[in-house]
């Protein structure tokens, strides 16, 4: 593990201590659990996004002669 320092306001620190004491774990363990849960919930953004809406959902699967005519940009 790598040691890290964080700054908390007094109220947050007090609440964390109470929660950790109620659960019988250290404040550090509680913070690690919260960080791990946040990381697991994080869904990375796609590296690229389509531009505009074609109006069809299967454009990528269609051959060139099957694709609808592109709409003019306004």
C-alpha atoms as a PDB file:
ATOM      1  CA  UNK A   1       0.000   0.000   0.000  1.00  0.00           C
ATOM      2  CA  UNK A   2       1.012   3.570  -0.607  1.00  0.00           C
ATOM      3  CA  UNK A   3       0.574   6.080   2.208  1.00  0.00           C
ATOM      4  CA  UNK A   4      -1.533   9.150   1.381  1.00  0.00           C
ATOM      5  CA  UNK A   5      -2.668  12.178   3.361  1.00  0.00           C
ATOM      6  CA  UNK A   6      -6.110  13.733   2.982  1.00  0.00           C
ATOM      7  CA  UNK A   7      -7.572  16.854   4.548  1.00  0.00           C
ATOM      8  CA  UNK A   8     -11.021  16.620   6.143  1.00  0.00           C
ATOM      9  CA  UNK A   9     -13.131  19.167   7.922  1.00  0.00           C
ATOM     10  CA  UNK A  10     -13.751  18.491  11.613  1.00  0.00           C
ATOM     11  CA  UNK A  11     -17.369  17.388  11.159  1.00  0.00           C
ATOM     12  CA  UNK A  12     -16.501  14.860   8.447  1.00  0.00           C
ATOM     13  CA  UNK A  13     -13.654  13.435  10.519  1.00  0.00           C
ATOM     14  CA  UNK A  14     -15.927  13.109  13.559  1.00  0.00           C
ATOM     15  CA  UNK A  15     -18.614  11.344  11.542  1.00  0.00           C
ATOM     16  CA  UNK A  16     -16.072   8.985   9.973  1.00  0.00           C
ATOM     17  CA  UNK A  17     -14.688   8.101  13.410  1.00  0.00           C
ATOM     18  CA  UNK A  18     -18.183   7.317  14.703  1.00  0.00           C
ATOM     19  CA  UNK A  19     -19.048   5.134  11.714  1.00  0.00           C
ATOM     20  CA  UNK A  20     -15.717   3.305  11.944  1.00  0.00           C
ATOM     21  CA  UNK A  21     -16.183   2.748  15.698  1.00  0.00           C
ATOM     22  CA  UNK A  22     -19.735   1.456  15.164  1.00  0.00           C
ATOM     23  CA  UNK A  23     -18.435  -1.018  12.591  1.00  0.00           C
ATOM     24  CA  UNK A  24     -15.368  -1.945  14.649  1.00  0.00           C
ATOM     25  CA  UNK A  25     -12.858  -0.964  11.972  1.00  0.00           C
ATOM     26  CA  UNK A  26     -10.273   1.763  11.631  1.00  0.00           C
ATOM     27  CA  UNK A  27     -11.020   5.065   9.978  1.00  0.00           C
ATOM     28  CA  UNK A  28      -8.422   4.206   7.319  1.00  0.00           C
ATOM     29  CA  UNK A  29     -10.197   0.918   6.529  1.00  0.00           C
ATOM     30  CA  UNK A  30     -13.517   2.753   6.226  1.00  0.00           C
ATOM     31  CA  UNK A  31     -12.007   5.303   3.832  1.00  0.00           C
ATOM     32  CA  UNK A  32     -10.383   2.520   1.753  1.00  0.00           C
ATOM     33  CA  UNK A  33     -13.768   0.751   1.498  1.00  0.00           C
ATOM     34  CA  UNK A  34     -15.444   3.962   0.329  1.00  0.00           C
ATOM     35  CA  UNK A  35     -12.734   4.580  -2.268  1.00  0.00           C
ATOM     36  CA  UNK A  36     -12.929   0.970  -3.526  1.00  0.00           C
ATOM     37  CA  UNK A  37     -16.725   1.220  -3.851  1.00  0.00           C
ATOM     38  CA  UNK A  38     -16.418   4.474  -5.789  1.00  0.00           C
ATOM     39  CA  UNK A  39     -13.845   2.969  -8.149  1.00  0.00           C
ATOM     40  CA  UNK A  40     -16.048  -0.088  -8.792  1.00  0.00           C
ATOM     41  CA  UNK A  41     -19.036   2.126  -9.645  1.00  0.00           C
ATOM     42  CA  UNK A  42     -17.049   4.291 -12.047  1.00  0.00           C
ATOM     43  CA  UNK A  43     -17.895   3.649 -15.682  1.00  0.00           C
ATOM     44  CA  UNK A  44     -15.192   5.051 -17.955  1.00  0.00           C
ATOM     45  CA  UNK A  45     -16.332   7.367 -20.709  1.00  0.00           C
ATOM     46  CA  UNK A  46     -16.075   6.025 -24.237  1.00  0.00           C
ATOM     47  CA  UNK A  47     -12.947   7.142 -26.064  1.00  0.00           C
ATOM     48  CA  UNK A  48     -14.999   8.313 -29.026  1.00  0.00           C
ATOM     49  CA  UNK A  49     -18.568   9.396 -29.498  1.00  0.00           C
ATOM     50  CA  UNK A  50     -20.652   9.507 -32.632  1.00  0.00           C
ATOM     51  CA  UNK A  51     -21.526  12.907 -34.017  1.00  0.00           C
ATOM     52  CA  UNK A  52     -25.174  13.573 -34.712  1.00  0.00           C
ATOM     53  CA  UNK A  53     -28.036  11.135 -35.089  1.00  0.00           C
ATOM     54  CA  UNK A  54     -28.573   9.093 -38.231  1.00  0.00           C
ATOM     55  CA  UNK A  55     -32.100   8.103 -37.258  1.00  0.00           C
ATOM     56  CA  UNK A  56     -31.258   4.409 -37.649  1.00  0.00           C
ATOM     57  CA  UNK A  57     -29.770   1.987 -35.143  1.00  0.00           C
ATOM     58  CA  UNK A  58     -28.103  -0.429 -37.562  1.00  0.00           C
ATOM     59  CA  UNK A  59     -26.004   1.896 -39.741  1.00  0.00           C
ATOM     60  CA  UNK A  60     -22.728   0.190 -38.843  1.00  0.00           C
ATOM     61  CA  UNK A  61     -24.051  -3.210 -39.964  1.00  0.00           C
ATOM     62  CA  UNK A  62     -25.336  -2.109 -43.362  1.00  0.00           C
ATOM     63  CA  UNK A  63     -23.370  -2.381 -46.578  1.00  0.00           C
ATOM     64  CA  UNK A  64     -22.603   0.843 -48.451  1.00  0.00           C
ATOM     65  CA  UNK A  65     -25.493   0.496 -50.904  1.00  0.00           C
ATOM     66  CA  UNK A  66     -27.968  -0.243 -48.085  1.00  0.00           C
ATOM     67  CA  UNK A  67     -27.195   2.812 -45.972  1.00  0.00           C
ATOM     68  CA  UNK A  68     -29.726   5.652 -45.938  1.00  0.00           C
ATOM     69  CA  UNK A  69     -28.799   8.928 -47.590  1.00  0.00           C
ATOM     70  CA  UNK A  70     -27.079  11.270 -45.126  1.00  0.00           C
ATOM     71  CA  UNK A  71     -29.125  14.186 -43.887  1.00  0.00           C
ATOM     72  CA  UNK A  72     -27.924  17.695 -44.620  1.00  0.00           C
ATOM     73  CA  UNK A  73     -26.521  19.541 -41.614  1.00  0.00           C
ATOM     74  CA  UNK A  74     -28.330  22.697 -40.685  1.00  0.00           C
END
